[in-house]
N, C-alpha and C. Protein backbone atom coordinates (compact mmCIF):
# COMPACT_ATOMS: atom_id res chain seq x y z
N UNK A 1 20.97 -17.92 -45.94
CA UNK A 1 19.58 -17.69 -45.61
C UNK A 1 19.13 -18.66 -44.53
N UNK A 2 19.60 -19.91 -44.60
CA UNK A 2 19.22 -20.90 -43.59
C UNK A 2 19.78 -20.52 -42.23
N UNK A 3 20.97 -19.93 -42.23
CA UNK A 3 21.58 -19.53 -40.97
C UNK A 3 20.77 -18.42 -40.30
N UNK A 4 20.25 -17.50 -41.08
CA UNK A 4 19.41 -16.42 -40.55
C UNK A 4 18.13 -17.00 -39.97
N UNK A 5 17.54 -17.98 -40.70
CA UNK A 5 16.33 -18.62 -40.20
C UNK A 5 16.59 -19.35 -38.89
N UNK A 6 17.72 -20.04 -38.78
CA UNK A 6 18.07 -20.75 -37.55
C UNK A 6 18.28 -19.77 -36.41
N UNK A 7 18.98 -18.67 -36.67
CA UNK A 7 19.21 -17.65 -35.65
C UNK A 7 17.89 -17.04 -35.18
N UNK A 8 17.04 -16.80 -36.16
CA UNK A 8 15.74 -16.24 -35.82
C UNK A 8 14.93 -17.23 -34.96
N UNK A 9 14.97 -18.50 -35.28
CA UNK A 9 14.25 -19.52 -34.52
C UNK A 9 14.80 -19.62 -33.10
N UNK A 10 16.12 -19.55 -32.95
CA UNK A 10 16.74 -19.60 -31.62
C UNK A 10 16.31 -18.39 -30.79
N UNK A 11 16.33 -17.23 -31.41
CA UNK A 11 15.91 -16.01 -30.71
C UNK A 11 14.43 -16.08 -30.33
N UNK A 12 13.61 -16.62 -31.22
CA UNK A 12 12.18 -16.75 -30.93
C UNK A 12 11.94 -17.70 -29.76
N UNK A 13 12.69 -18.81 -29.68
CA UNK A 13 12.56 -19.74 -28.56
C UNK A 13 12.97 -19.08 -27.25
N UNK A 14 14.05 -18.32 -27.27
CA UNK A 14 14.49 -17.62 -26.06
C UNK A 14 13.44 -16.59 -25.63
N UNK A 15 12.89 -15.88 -26.60
CA UNK A 15 11.86 -14.90 -26.30
C UNK A 15 10.62 -15.56 -25.71
N UNK A 16 10.21 -16.69 -26.25
CA UNK A 16 9.07 -17.43 -25.72
C UNK A 16 9.32 -17.89 -24.29
N UNK A 17 10.52 -18.38 -24.02
CA UNK A 17 10.83 -18.85 -22.66
C UNK A 17 10.85 -17.68 -21.68
N UNK A 18 11.38 -16.53 -22.11
CA UNK A 18 11.36 -15.35 -21.24
C UNK A 18 9.94 -14.87 -20.99
N UNK A 19 9.11 -14.93 -22.01
CA UNK A 19 7.72 -14.53 -21.86
C UNK A 19 6.99 -15.42 -20.86
N UNK A 20 7.24 -16.73 -20.93
CA UNK A 20 6.64 -17.65 -19.96
C UNK A 20 7.13 -17.36 -18.56
N UNK A 21 8.41 -17.06 -18.42
CA UNK A 21 8.99 -16.76 -17.12
C UNK A 21 8.37 -15.50 -16.52
N UNK A 22 8.21 -14.47 -17.33
CA UNK A 22 7.61 -13.22 -16.86
C UNK A 22 6.16 -13.43 -16.47
N UNK A 23 5.40 -14.13 -17.29
CA UNK A 23 3.98 -14.35 -16.97
C UNK A 23 3.81 -15.20 -15.72
N UNK A 24 4.69 -16.18 -15.50
CA UNK A 24 4.59 -16.99 -14.28
C UNK A 24 4.97 -16.18 -13.05
N UNK A 25 5.94 -15.28 -13.18
CA UNK A 25 6.31 -14.45 -12.03
C UNK A 25 5.22 -13.43 -11.72
N UNK A 26 4.53 -12.94 -12.76
CA UNK A 26 3.43 -12.02 -12.52
C UNK A 26 2.26 -12.71 -11.85
N UNK A 27 2.02 -13.96 -12.16
CA UNK A 27 0.89 -14.67 -11.54
C UNK A 27 1.16 -14.97 -10.08
N UNK A 28 2.43 -14.97 -9.67
CA UNK A 28 2.74 -15.24 -8.27
C UNK A 28 2.60 -14.02 -7.39
N UNK A 29 2.38 -12.84 -7.99
CA UNK A 29 2.18 -11.63 -7.22
C UNK A 29 0.83 -11.72 -6.51
N UNK A 30 0.72 -11.14 -5.33
CA UNK A 30 -0.54 -11.24 -4.58
C UNK A 30 -1.67 -10.60 -5.37
N UNK A 31 -2.87 -11.04 -5.11
CA UNK A 31 -4.02 -10.60 -5.89
C UNK A 31 -4.30 -9.11 -5.68
N UNK A 32 -4.11 -8.59 -4.48
CA UNK A 32 -4.38 -7.17 -4.27
C UNK A 32 -3.40 -6.31 -5.02
N UNK A 33 -2.14 -6.72 -5.05
CA UNK A 33 -1.15 -5.92 -5.77
C UNK A 33 -1.40 -5.99 -7.26
N UNK A 34 -1.73 -7.14 -7.77
CA UNK A 34 -1.96 -7.26 -9.21
C UNK A 34 -3.21 -6.51 -9.63
N UNK A 35 -4.26 -6.48 -8.79
CA UNK A 35 -5.44 -5.72 -9.15
C UNK A 35 -5.16 -4.23 -9.11
N UNK A 36 -4.30 -3.79 -8.20
CA UNK A 36 -3.94 -2.38 -8.16
C UNK A 36 -3.13 -2.00 -9.40
N UNK A 37 -2.22 -2.88 -9.83
CA UNK A 37 -1.44 -2.62 -11.02
C UNK A 37 -2.35 -2.56 -12.24
N UNK A 38 -3.29 -3.50 -12.33
CA UNK A 38 -4.21 -3.53 -13.46
C UNK A 38 -5.07 -2.28 -13.48
N UNK A 39 -5.56 -1.86 -12.29
CA UNK A 39 -6.43 -0.71 -12.23
C UNK A 39 -5.70 0.55 -12.65
N UNK A 40 -4.48 0.74 -12.17
CA UNK A 40 -3.76 1.96 -12.50
C UNK A 40 -3.33 1.98 -13.97
N UNK A 41 -3.05 0.82 -14.55
CA UNK A 41 -2.67 0.82 -15.95
C UNK A 41 -3.88 0.96 -16.87
N UNK A 42 -5.06 0.53 -16.40
CA UNK A 42 -6.26 0.63 -17.22
C UNK A 42 -6.72 2.08 -17.35
N UNK A 43 -6.70 2.82 -16.26
CA UNK A 43 -7.12 4.21 -16.28
C UNK A 43 -6.12 5.01 -15.46
N UNK A 44 -5.12 5.58 -16.09
CA UNK A 44 -4.04 6.20 -15.35
C UNK A 44 -4.45 7.42 -14.52
N UNK A 45 -5.58 8.03 -14.80
CA UNK A 45 -6.01 9.21 -14.05
C UNK A 45 -6.77 8.87 -12.78
N UNK A 46 -7.02 7.61 -12.52
CA UNK A 46 -7.81 7.22 -11.35
C UNK A 46 -7.13 7.50 -10.03
N UNK A 47 -5.84 7.69 -10.03
CA UNK A 47 -5.13 7.97 -8.78
C UNK A 47 -4.54 9.38 -8.77
N UNK A 48 -4.94 10.24 -9.71
CA UNK A 48 -4.39 11.58 -9.81
C UNK A 48 -5.35 12.62 -9.24
N UNK A 49 -4.78 13.63 -8.61
CA UNK A 49 -5.52 14.82 -8.22
C UNK A 49 -4.71 16.03 -8.67
N UNK A 50 -5.39 17.15 -8.85
CA UNK A 50 -4.71 18.39 -9.21
C UNK A 50 -4.96 19.38 -8.10
N UNK A 51 -3.90 20.01 -7.66
CA UNK A 51 -3.94 20.95 -6.55
C UNK A 51 -3.70 22.35 -7.11
N UNK A 52 -4.65 23.26 -6.88
CA UNK A 52 -4.56 24.64 -7.37
C UNK A 52 -4.34 25.57 -6.19
N UNK A 53 -3.63 26.66 -6.43
CA UNK A 53 -3.48 27.71 -5.43
C UNK A 53 -2.27 27.57 -4.52
N UNK A 54 -1.44 26.58 -4.73
CA UNK A 54 -0.24 26.42 -3.91
C UNK A 54 0.77 27.49 -4.32
N UNK A 55 1.28 28.28 -3.36
CA UNK A 55 2.21 29.35 -3.71
C UNK A 55 3.41 28.84 -4.51
N UNK A 56 3.82 29.64 -5.45
CA UNK A 56 4.93 29.30 -6.34
C UNK A 56 6.25 29.38 -5.59
N UNK A 57 7.14 28.42 -5.85
CA UNK A 57 8.47 28.41 -5.26
C UNK A 57 9.39 27.63 -6.18
N UNK A 58 10.57 28.19 -6.44
CA UNK A 58 11.52 27.51 -7.33
C UNK A 58 12.16 26.30 -6.68
N UNK A 59 12.19 26.28 -5.35
CA UNK A 59 12.78 25.16 -4.62
C UNK A 59 11.76 24.03 -4.51
N UNK A 60 12.03 22.93 -5.18
CA UNK A 60 11.09 21.80 -5.23
C UNK A 60 10.82 21.22 -3.84
N UNK A 61 11.81 21.18 -2.98
CA UNK A 61 11.62 20.59 -1.66
C UNK A 61 10.62 21.39 -0.82
N UNK A 62 10.58 22.71 -1.02
CA UNK A 62 9.66 23.55 -0.26
C UNK A 62 8.22 23.23 -0.63
N UNK A 63 7.91 23.25 -1.93
CA UNK A 63 6.51 23.01 -2.28
C UNK A 63 6.14 21.53 -2.15
N UNK A 64 7.10 20.61 -2.23
CA UNK A 64 6.80 19.20 -1.94
C UNK A 64 6.39 19.03 -0.49
N UNK A 65 7.08 19.72 0.42
CA UNK A 65 6.71 19.66 1.84
C UNK A 65 5.32 20.26 2.06
N UNK A 66 5.04 21.38 1.37
CA UNK A 66 3.72 22.00 1.49
C UNK A 66 2.63 21.08 0.95
N UNK A 67 2.90 20.40 -0.16
CA UNK A 67 1.93 19.44 -0.71
C UNK A 67 1.66 18.34 0.31
N UNK A 68 2.71 17.80 0.92
CA UNK A 68 2.55 16.75 1.92
C UNK A 68 1.74 17.24 3.11
N UNK A 69 2.00 18.47 3.55
CA UNK A 69 1.25 19.05 4.67
C UNK A 69 -0.23 19.21 4.32
N UNK A 70 -0.51 19.67 3.11
CA UNK A 70 -1.90 19.86 2.69
C UNK A 70 -2.62 18.52 2.63
N UNK A 71 -1.99 17.53 2.02
CA UNK A 71 -2.63 16.21 1.91
C UNK A 71 -2.82 15.57 3.27
N UNK A 72 -1.87 15.75 4.17
CA UNK A 72 -1.99 15.21 5.53
C UNK A 72 -3.15 15.88 6.26
N UNK A 73 -3.29 17.20 6.09
CA UNK A 73 -4.37 17.94 6.73
C UNK A 73 -5.73 17.48 6.21
N UNK A 74 -5.85 17.32 4.91
CA UNK A 74 -7.14 16.96 4.31
C UNK A 74 -7.51 15.52 4.62
N UNK A 75 -6.57 14.59 4.46
CA UNK A 75 -6.87 13.17 4.63
C UNK A 75 -6.88 12.76 6.11
N UNK A 76 -6.16 13.49 6.94
CA UNK A 76 -6.10 13.12 8.35
C UNK A 76 -4.98 12.14 8.66
N UNK A 77 -4.22 11.76 7.67
CA UNK A 77 -3.07 10.86 7.85
C UNK A 77 -2.08 11.11 6.72
N UNK A 78 -0.88 10.53 6.84
CA UNK A 78 0.11 10.68 5.78
C UNK A 78 -0.38 9.97 4.52
N UNK A 79 -0.30 10.65 3.39
CA UNK A 79 -0.73 10.11 2.11
C UNK A 79 0.51 9.79 1.29
N UNK A 80 0.55 8.57 0.76
CA UNK A 80 1.70 8.16 -0.07
C UNK A 80 1.54 8.73 -1.48
N UNK A 81 2.61 9.37 -1.94
CA UNK A 81 2.62 10.02 -3.25
C UNK A 81 3.62 9.30 -4.15
N UNK A 82 3.20 8.95 -5.35
CA UNK A 82 4.13 8.39 -6.33
C UNK A 82 4.95 9.48 -6.98
N UNK A 83 4.27 10.57 -7.35
CA UNK A 83 4.95 11.67 -8.03
C UNK A 83 4.12 12.93 -7.87
N UNK A 84 4.78 14.07 -7.88
CA UNK A 84 4.11 15.36 -7.85
C UNK A 84 4.96 16.33 -8.66
N UNK A 85 4.31 17.07 -9.55
CA UNK A 85 5.05 18.03 -10.34
C UNK A 85 4.15 19.17 -10.76
N UNK A 86 4.78 20.32 -10.97
CA UNK A 86 4.08 21.51 -11.43
C UNK A 86 3.77 21.37 -12.91
N UNK A 87 2.62 21.87 -13.32
CA UNK A 87 2.24 21.86 -14.72
C UNK A 87 2.61 23.19 -15.35
N UNK A 88 3.08 23.16 -16.56
CA UNK A 88 3.45 24.34 -17.35
C UNK A 88 4.80 24.89 -16.89
N UNK A 89 5.23 25.96 -17.53
CA UNK A 89 6.53 26.57 -17.24
C UNK A 89 6.41 27.55 -16.08
N UNK A 90 7.55 27.80 -15.42
CA UNK A 90 7.58 28.75 -14.32
C UNK A 90 7.27 30.15 -14.84
N UNK A 91 6.38 30.82 -14.13
CA UNK A 91 6.03 32.20 -14.43
C UNK A 91 5.71 32.86 -13.10
N UNK A 92 6.49 33.85 -12.71
CA UNK A 92 6.31 34.46 -11.40
C UNK A 92 5.00 35.24 -11.29
N UNK A 93 4.36 35.53 -12.42
CA UNK A 93 3.11 36.30 -12.41
C UNK A 93 1.89 35.45 -12.06
N UNK A 94 2.02 34.14 -12.09
CA UNK A 94 0.85 33.30 -11.79
C UNK A 94 1.28 32.04 -11.06
N UNK A 95 0.29 31.38 -10.49
CA UNK A 95 0.54 30.16 -9.72
C UNK A 95 0.17 28.96 -10.58
N UNK A 96 1.11 28.04 -10.75
CA UNK A 96 0.86 26.86 -11.57
C UNK A 96 0.21 25.76 -10.73
N UNK A 97 -0.66 24.97 -11.33
CA UNK A 97 -1.23 23.83 -10.60
C UNK A 97 -0.20 22.72 -10.41
N UNK A 98 -0.47 21.85 -9.45
CA UNK A 98 0.40 20.72 -9.16
C UNK A 98 -0.38 19.44 -9.44
N UNK A 99 0.17 18.58 -10.29
CA UNK A 99 -0.42 17.27 -10.54
C UNK A 99 0.20 16.29 -9.56
N UNK A 100 -0.65 15.60 -8.82
CA UNK A 100 -0.18 14.67 -7.80
C UNK A 100 -0.65 13.27 -8.17
N UNK A 101 0.29 12.35 -8.30
CA UNK A 101 -0.01 10.95 -8.59
C UNK A 101 0.08 10.21 -7.26
N UNK A 102 -1.05 9.72 -6.80
CA UNK A 102 -1.10 9.02 -5.52
C UNK A 102 -0.85 7.53 -5.73
N UNK A 103 -0.55 6.83 -4.65
CA UNK A 103 -0.35 5.38 -4.75
C UNK A 103 -1.65 4.62 -4.55
N UNK A 104 -2.67 5.29 -4.03
CA UNK A 104 -3.91 4.60 -3.72
C UNK A 104 -5.11 5.39 -4.24
N UNK A 105 -6.03 4.71 -4.88
CA UNK A 105 -7.25 5.38 -5.32
C UNK A 105 -8.16 5.68 -4.13
N UNK A 106 -7.97 4.95 -3.04
CA UNK A 106 -8.76 5.22 -1.84
C UNK A 106 -8.35 6.57 -1.25
N UNK A 107 -7.06 6.87 -1.24
CA UNK A 107 -6.59 8.17 -0.77
C UNK A 107 -7.16 9.29 -1.64
N UNK A 108 -7.25 9.05 -2.93
CA UNK A 108 -7.83 10.05 -3.83
C UNK A 108 -9.27 10.34 -3.46
N UNK A 109 -10.03 9.29 -3.24
CA UNK A 109 -11.44 9.46 -2.86
C UNK A 109 -11.56 10.22 -1.54
N UNK A 110 -10.70 9.88 -0.60
CA UNK A 110 -10.70 10.53 0.71
C UNK A 110 -10.35 12.02 0.58
N UNK A 111 -9.35 12.33 -0.24
CA UNK A 111 -8.96 13.72 -0.44
C UNK A 111 -10.07 14.54 -1.09
N UNK A 112 -10.70 13.97 -2.11
CA UNK A 112 -11.77 14.69 -2.81
C UNK A 112 -12.99 14.89 -1.92
N UNK A 113 -13.25 13.94 -1.05
CA UNK A 113 -14.39 14.05 -0.15
C UNK A 113 -14.15 15.08 0.96
N UNK A 114 -12.90 15.22 1.40
CA UNK A 114 -12.61 16.10 2.53
C UNK A 114 -11.92 17.40 2.15
N UNK A 115 -11.80 17.71 0.87
CA UNK A 115 -11.06 18.91 0.47
C UNK A 115 -11.74 20.19 0.92
N UNK A 116 -13.00 20.14 1.27
CA UNK A 116 -13.69 21.33 1.77
C UNK A 116 -13.12 21.78 3.11
N UNK A 117 -12.41 20.90 3.81
CA UNK A 117 -11.80 21.26 5.11
C UNK A 117 -10.72 22.31 4.96
N UNK A 118 -10.19 22.50 3.76
CA UNK A 118 -9.15 23.49 3.54
C UNK A 118 -9.65 24.91 3.77
N UNK A 119 -10.93 25.14 3.57
CA UNK A 119 -11.48 26.50 3.75
C UNK A 119 -11.48 26.92 5.22
N UNK A 120 -11.39 25.97 6.15
CA UNK A 120 -11.38 26.31 7.57
C UNK A 120 -9.98 26.59 8.09
N UNK A 121 -8.98 26.49 7.24
CA UNK A 121 -7.58 26.70 7.62
C UNK A 121 -7.26 28.19 7.66
N UNK A 122 -6.30 28.58 8.47
CA UNK A 122 -5.91 29.99 8.55
C UNK A 122 -4.66 30.30 7.74
N UNK A 123 -3.93 29.31 7.30
CA UNK A 123 -2.66 29.53 6.62
C UNK A 123 -2.85 29.60 5.11
N UNK A 124 -1.76 29.41 4.38
CA UNK A 124 -1.79 29.42 2.92
C UNK A 124 -2.73 28.36 2.36
N UNK A 125 -3.08 27.36 3.17
CA UNK A 125 -3.94 26.27 2.70
C UNK A 125 -5.35 26.74 2.38
N UNK A 126 -5.75 27.89 2.93
CA UNK A 126 -7.11 28.38 2.69
C UNK A 126 -7.35 28.70 1.22
N UNK A 127 -6.29 29.08 0.49
CA UNK A 127 -6.41 29.43 -0.92
C UNK A 127 -6.23 28.24 -1.85
N UNK A 128 -6.00 27.07 -1.29
CA UNK A 128 -5.73 25.86 -2.07
C UNK A 128 -7.02 25.08 -2.26
N UNK A 129 -7.20 24.53 -3.44
CA UNK A 129 -8.31 23.59 -3.64
C UNK A 129 -7.84 22.41 -4.48
N UNK A 130 -8.52 21.29 -4.29
CA UNK A 130 -8.13 20.02 -4.88
C UNK A 130 -9.27 19.52 -5.76
N UNK A 131 -8.93 19.09 -6.97
CA UNK A 131 -9.92 18.53 -7.90
C UNK A 131 -9.38 17.24 -8.48
N UNK A 132 -10.28 16.44 -9.01
CA UNK A 132 -9.89 15.19 -9.67
C UNK A 132 -9.26 15.51 -11.01
N UNK A 133 -8.28 14.73 -11.39
CA UNK A 133 -7.66 14.87 -12.70
C UNK A 133 -8.55 14.18 -13.72
N UNK A 134 -9.09 14.96 -14.65
CA UNK A 134 -9.99 14.42 -15.66
C UNK A 134 -9.50 14.84 -17.04
N UNK A 135 -9.87 14.08 -18.07
CA UNK A 135 -9.52 14.50 -19.43
C UNK A 135 -10.19 15.83 -19.78
N UNK A 136 -9.59 16.57 -20.67
CA UNK A 136 -10.07 17.90 -21.01
C UNK A 136 -11.49 17.88 -21.57
N UNK A 137 -11.85 16.82 -22.29
CA UNK A 137 -13.20 16.73 -22.86
C UNK A 137 -14.25 16.70 -21.75
N UNK A 138 -13.99 15.95 -20.71
CA UNK A 138 -14.94 15.85 -19.59
C UNK A 138 -15.02 17.18 -18.85
N UNK A 139 -13.87 17.83 -18.64
CA UNK A 139 -13.88 19.13 -17.96
C UNK A 139 -14.68 20.15 -18.75
N UNK A 140 -14.53 20.15 -20.08
CA UNK A 140 -15.27 21.10 -20.91
C UNK A 140 -16.77 20.81 -20.88
N UNK A 141 -17.14 19.54 -20.92
CA UNK A 141 -18.56 19.18 -20.87
C UNK A 141 -19.18 19.61 -19.54
N UNK A 142 -18.44 19.43 -18.44
CA UNK A 142 -18.94 19.86 -17.13
C UNK A 142 -19.08 21.38 -17.06
N UNK A 143 -18.12 22.09 -17.63
CA UNK A 143 -18.20 23.56 -17.66
C UNK A 143 -19.40 24.01 -18.48
N UNK A 144 -19.63 23.35 -19.60
CA UNK A 144 -20.77 23.66 -20.45
C UNK A 144 -22.08 23.45 -19.70
N UNK A 145 -22.19 22.35 -18.98
CA UNK A 145 -23.40 22.06 -18.23
C UNK A 145 -23.61 23.05 -17.08
N UNK A 146 -22.53 23.44 -16.40
CA UNK A 146 -22.63 24.44 -15.32
C UNK A 146 -23.13 25.77 -15.86
N UNK A 147 -22.56 26.19 -16.99
CA UNK A 147 -22.99 27.46 -17.59
C UNK A 147 -24.45 27.40 -18.02
N UNK A 148 -24.86 26.28 -18.58
CA UNK A 148 -26.25 26.13 -19.01
C UNK A 148 -27.18 26.22 -17.81
N UNK A 149 -26.83 25.54 -16.73
CA UNK A 149 -27.67 25.56 -15.53
C UNK A 149 -27.78 26.97 -14.95
N UNK A 150 -26.65 27.69 -14.88
CA UNK A 150 -26.67 29.06 -14.33
C UNK A 150 -27.51 29.99 -15.18
N UNK A 151 -27.34 29.91 -16.49
CA UNK A 151 -28.08 30.79 -17.38
C UNK A 151 -29.56 30.43 -17.44
N UNK A 152 -29.89 29.17 -17.30
CA UNK A 152 -31.29 28.75 -17.29
C UNK A 152 -32.01 29.30 -16.06
N UNK A 153 -31.30 29.38 -14.94
CA UNK A 153 -31.91 29.90 -13.72
C UNK A 153 -32.20 31.39 -13.82
N UNK A 154 -31.47 32.10 -14.67
CA UNK A 154 -31.69 33.54 -14.83
C UNK A 154 -32.69 33.83 -15.97
N UNK A 155 -33.49 32.83 -16.34
CA UNK A 155 -34.55 32.95 -17.35
C UNK A 155 -34.04 33.46 -18.70
N UNK A 156 -32.91 32.93 -19.14
CA UNK A 156 -32.37 33.26 -20.45
C UNK A 156 -32.72 32.13 -21.41
N UNK A 157 -32.75 32.43 -22.71
CA UNK A 157 -33.02 31.44 -23.73
C UNK A 157 -31.71 30.68 -24.00
N UNK A 158 -31.62 29.46 -23.47
CA UNK A 158 -30.39 28.69 -23.54
C UNK A 158 -30.62 27.43 -24.37
N UNK A 159 -29.70 27.19 -25.32
CA UNK A 159 -29.76 25.99 -26.14
C UNK A 159 -28.37 25.38 -26.27
N UNK A 160 -28.33 24.05 -26.30
CA UNK A 160 -27.09 23.33 -26.57
C UNK A 160 -27.32 22.57 -27.86
N UNK A 161 -26.41 22.73 -28.81
CA UNK A 161 -26.59 22.03 -30.08
C UNK A 161 -25.28 21.44 -30.55
N UNK A 162 -25.33 20.87 -31.74
CA UNK A 162 -24.19 20.20 -32.36
C UNK A 162 -23.59 19.16 -31.42
N UNK A 163 -24.43 18.20 -31.08
CA UNK A 163 -24.04 17.07 -30.24
C UNK A 163 -23.54 17.50 -28.87
N UNK A 164 -24.16 18.55 -28.33
CA UNK A 164 -23.82 18.98 -26.98
C UNK A 164 -22.49 19.67 -26.86
N UNK A 165 -22.04 20.34 -27.90
CA UNK A 165 -20.73 20.97 -27.82
C UNK A 165 -20.75 22.49 -27.94
N UNK A 166 -21.90 23.08 -28.27
CA UNK A 166 -21.99 24.54 -28.40
C UNK A 166 -23.16 25.04 -27.56
N UNK A 167 -22.90 26.10 -26.77
CA UNK A 167 -23.92 26.71 -25.94
C UNK A 167 -24.35 28.03 -26.57
N UNK A 168 -25.63 28.14 -26.89
CA UNK A 168 -26.20 29.37 -27.44
C UNK A 168 -27.04 30.03 -26.35
N UNK A 169 -26.83 31.32 -26.15
CA UNK A 169 -27.65 32.09 -25.23
C UNK A 169 -28.25 33.24 -26.01
N UNK A 170 -29.56 33.30 -26.05
CA UNK A 170 -30.30 34.30 -26.80
C UNK A 170 -29.82 34.36 -28.26
N UNK A 171 -29.54 33.21 -28.84
CA UNK A 171 -29.14 33.10 -30.24
C UNK A 171 -27.67 33.37 -30.53
N UNK A 172 -26.86 33.65 -29.50
CA UNK A 172 -25.44 33.93 -29.71
C UNK A 172 -24.60 32.82 -29.09
N UNK A 173 -23.50 32.50 -29.75
CA UNK A 173 -22.59 31.47 -29.23
C UNK A 173 -21.85 32.04 -28.02
N UNK A 174 -21.94 31.32 -26.91
CA UNK A 174 -21.29 31.76 -25.69
C UNK A 174 -20.12 30.84 -25.33
N UNK A 175 -20.28 29.56 -25.58
CA UNK A 175 -19.25 28.59 -25.17
C UNK A 175 -19.30 27.42 -26.14
N UNK A 176 -18.14 26.91 -26.51
CA UNK A 176 -18.07 25.70 -27.31
C UNK A 176 -16.88 24.87 -26.88
N UNK A 177 -17.06 23.56 -27.04
CA UNK A 177 -15.96 22.64 -26.67
C UNK A 177 -15.82 21.57 -27.71
């Protein structure tokens, strides 16, 4: 039993020394890089955008090139991408969205601000649109609010109840999240 305790103590000392080494090496990283690492780890969706309407293709290199072209057109410069992948399974009957993980939150802001420029394009880019990657709860709440606003403008009896999660129109449930 004493030997196990000694082994455990030796391992704990080694682990403590490695922990100190890692923390000291992290503190030597430049402040801009460390703040970017902290920001991306705190909220992983802050650098993500979702691209809808990109034509389906089984060859990854083809649609990766198209994604790069679209982002370059919208941002006005080459945009660095950490990762890009199609969501859901391949289905030739529909077009899957593309989740794009950018390296910079500034590029994300620039893309979202200028994505309206895609409508002036003559190529396949005209059918593409870019949105921020948000949790499903936020997307549903925004959809609920949009529906409420549209129905209120048409002079319908609109109510939201149960903590803002169910939309009633003329006494009937129309939408819930």
